Amino acid sequence: MANMNELKQIRQNFSENRRFLGDGYYRLVVGEANEYELEIATAGFCGDFSYHPKIKFRIVDDSIKPYFLIDQNTNPMIILDASTPESLKRLEQELDQLFDKFIAKIEN
């Protein structure tokens, strides 16, 4: 499960500026009221970016709570929210995988 220590590492190494790290552009956006967006994006032909994926989450009582995912590089495109226990479980799994990718880039 994604934890606060991993988030601290990610916050120290990533920002709103996208960084190309071999397999995509990595970015962390810190919003208001303990809201975050963590994304890996791919570049399009016209200077645009596609999320692969982007996950939004909040910090609630020192816990990381994902609530939205979009992955535009899948067919069909995946859009997921935390409206059911099943989708919440998948969001948590996807966030864990995304945290692992970011941490691996820090360690390399």
Protein backbone atom coordinates (compact mmCIF):
# COMPACT_ATOMS: atom_id res chain seq x y z
CA MET A 1 0.00 0.00 0.00
CA ALA A 2 1.26 3.47 -0.91
CA ASN A 3 2.56 5.15 2.22
CA MET A 4 3.50 8.59 3.49
CA ASN A 5 7.27 7.87 3.44
CA GLU A 6 7.10 7.02 -0.26
CA LEU A 7 5.06 10.15 -0.91
CA LYS A 8 7.70 12.20 0.90
CA GLN A 9 10.41 10.72 -1.36
CA ILE A 10 8.34 11.44 -4.45
CA ARG A 11 7.65 15.02 -3.31
CA GLN A 12 11.40 15.58 -2.82
CA ASN A 13 12.22 14.38 -6.33
CA PHE A 14 9.32 15.38 -8.57
CA SER A 15 7.35 18.55 -9.22
CA GLU A 16 4.83 20.07 -11.59
CA ASN A 17 7.53 20.19 -14.26
CA ARG A 18 7.42 17.05 -16.38
CA ARG A 19 10.69 15.09 -16.50
CA PHE A 20 11.35 12.62 -19.28
CA LEU A 21 12.82 9.48 -17.72
CA GLY A 22 13.05 7.02 -20.61
CA ASP A 23 9.56 5.57 -20.64
CA GLY A 24 7.52 8.74 -20.17
CA TYR A 25 7.19 12.15 -18.58
CA TYR A 26 6.89 11.95 -14.80
CA ARG A 27 5.12 14.63 -12.79
CA LEU A 28 3.63 15.33 -9.37
CA VAL A 29 1.12 18.13 -8.97
CA VAL A 30 0.36 19.29 -5.43
CA GLY A 31 -3.02 20.95 -5.14
CA GLU A 32 -4.91 22.63 -2.37
CA ALA A 33 -6.37 20.81 0.62
CA ASN A 34 -3.97 17.85 0.51
CA GLU A 35 -4.89 16.86 -3.05
CA TYR A 36 -2.31 15.39 -5.42
CA GLU A 37 -2.02 14.23 -9.02
CA LEU A 38 0.64 11.70 -9.94
CA GLU A 39 1.14 10.98 -13.62
CA ILE A 40 3.26 9.41 -16.27
CA ALA A 41 2.52 10.94 -19.65
CA THR A 42 3.53 10.24 -23.22
CA ALA A 43 4.08 12.99 -25.77
CA GLY A 44 1.73 13.36 -28.71
CA PHE A 45 2.43 14.68 -32.20
CA CYS A 46 1.09 18.20 -31.53
CA GLY A 47 2.85 18.93 -28.25
CA ASP A 48 0.06 17.43 -26.19
CA PHE A 49 0.39 14.71 -23.57
CA SER A 50 -1.59 11.53 -22.88
CA TYR A 51 -1.79 10.12 -19.39
CA HIS A 52 -0.49 6.59 -18.87
CA PRO A 53 -1.79 6.79 -16.11
CA LYS A 54 -2.76 9.78 -14.02
CA ILE A 55 -4.11 9.17 -10.53
CA LYS A 56 -5.62 11.74 -8.20
CA PHE A 57 -5.52 11.18 -4.46
CA ARG A 58 -6.00 12.95 -1.14
CA ILE A 59 -4.33 12.74 2.24
CA VAL A 60 -6.97 12.00 4.88
CA ASP A 61 -5.86 11.39 8.49
CA ASP A 62 -2.32 10.53 7.34
CA SER A 63 -3.65 7.98 4.84
CA ILE A 64 -3.42 8.15 1.06
CA LYS A 65 -6.86 7.86 -0.54
CA PRO A 66 -7.02 7.57 -4.35
CA TYR A 67 -10.25 8.74 -5.95
CA PHE A 68 -9.71 9.01 -9.72
CA LEU A 69 -7.68 7.37 -12.48
CA ILE A 70 -7.41 8.02 -16.19
CA ASP A 71 -5.27 6.08 -18.66
CA GLN A 72 -5.54 7.41 -22.20
CA ASN A 73 -3.02 4.98 -23.70
CA THR A 74 -5.16 1.89 -23.27
CA ASN A 75 -7.81 0.62 -25.63
CA PRO A 76 -10.42 1.24 -24.48
CA MET A 77 -9.35 4.23 -22.41
CA ILE A 78 -9.70 3.63 -18.65
CA ILE A 79 -11.55 6.09 -16.44
CA LEU A 80 -12.10 4.94 -12.89
CA ASP A 81 -13.41 6.54 -9.71
CA ALA A 82 -13.85 5.34 -6.15
CA SER A 83 -17.61 4.89 -6.34
CA THR A 84 -17.64 1.16 -5.52
CA PRO A 85 -15.53 -1.04 -3.24
CA GLU A 86 -14.22 -2.92 -6.30
CA SER A 87 -13.14 0.24 -8.11
CA LEU A 88 -11.56 1.60 -4.92
CA LYS A 89 -9.54 -1.59 -4.55
CA ARG A 90 -8.34 -1.31 -8.16
CA LEU A 91 -7.47 2.37 -7.63
CA GLU A 92 -5.38 1.43 -4.61
CA GLN A 93 -3.57 -1.27 -6.61
CA GLU A 94 -2.92 1.10 -9.51
CA LEU A 95 -1.63 3.78 -7.13
CA ASP A 96 0.74 1.27 -5.50
CA GLN A 97 2.12 0.37 -8.93
CA LEU A 98 2.53 4.04 -9.86
CA PHE A 99 4.31 4.80 -6.58
CA ASP A 100 6.64 1.85 -7.29
CA LYS A 101 7.48 3.27 -10.73
CA PHE A 102 8.29 6.69 -9.29
CA ILE A 103 10.39 5.21 -6.47
CA ALA A 104 12.29 3.03 -8.97
CA LYS A 105 13.18 6.14 -11.00
CA ILE A 106 14.50 7.81 -7.82
CA GLU A 107 16.64 4.80 -6.97
CA ASN A 108 18.14 4.55 -10.47
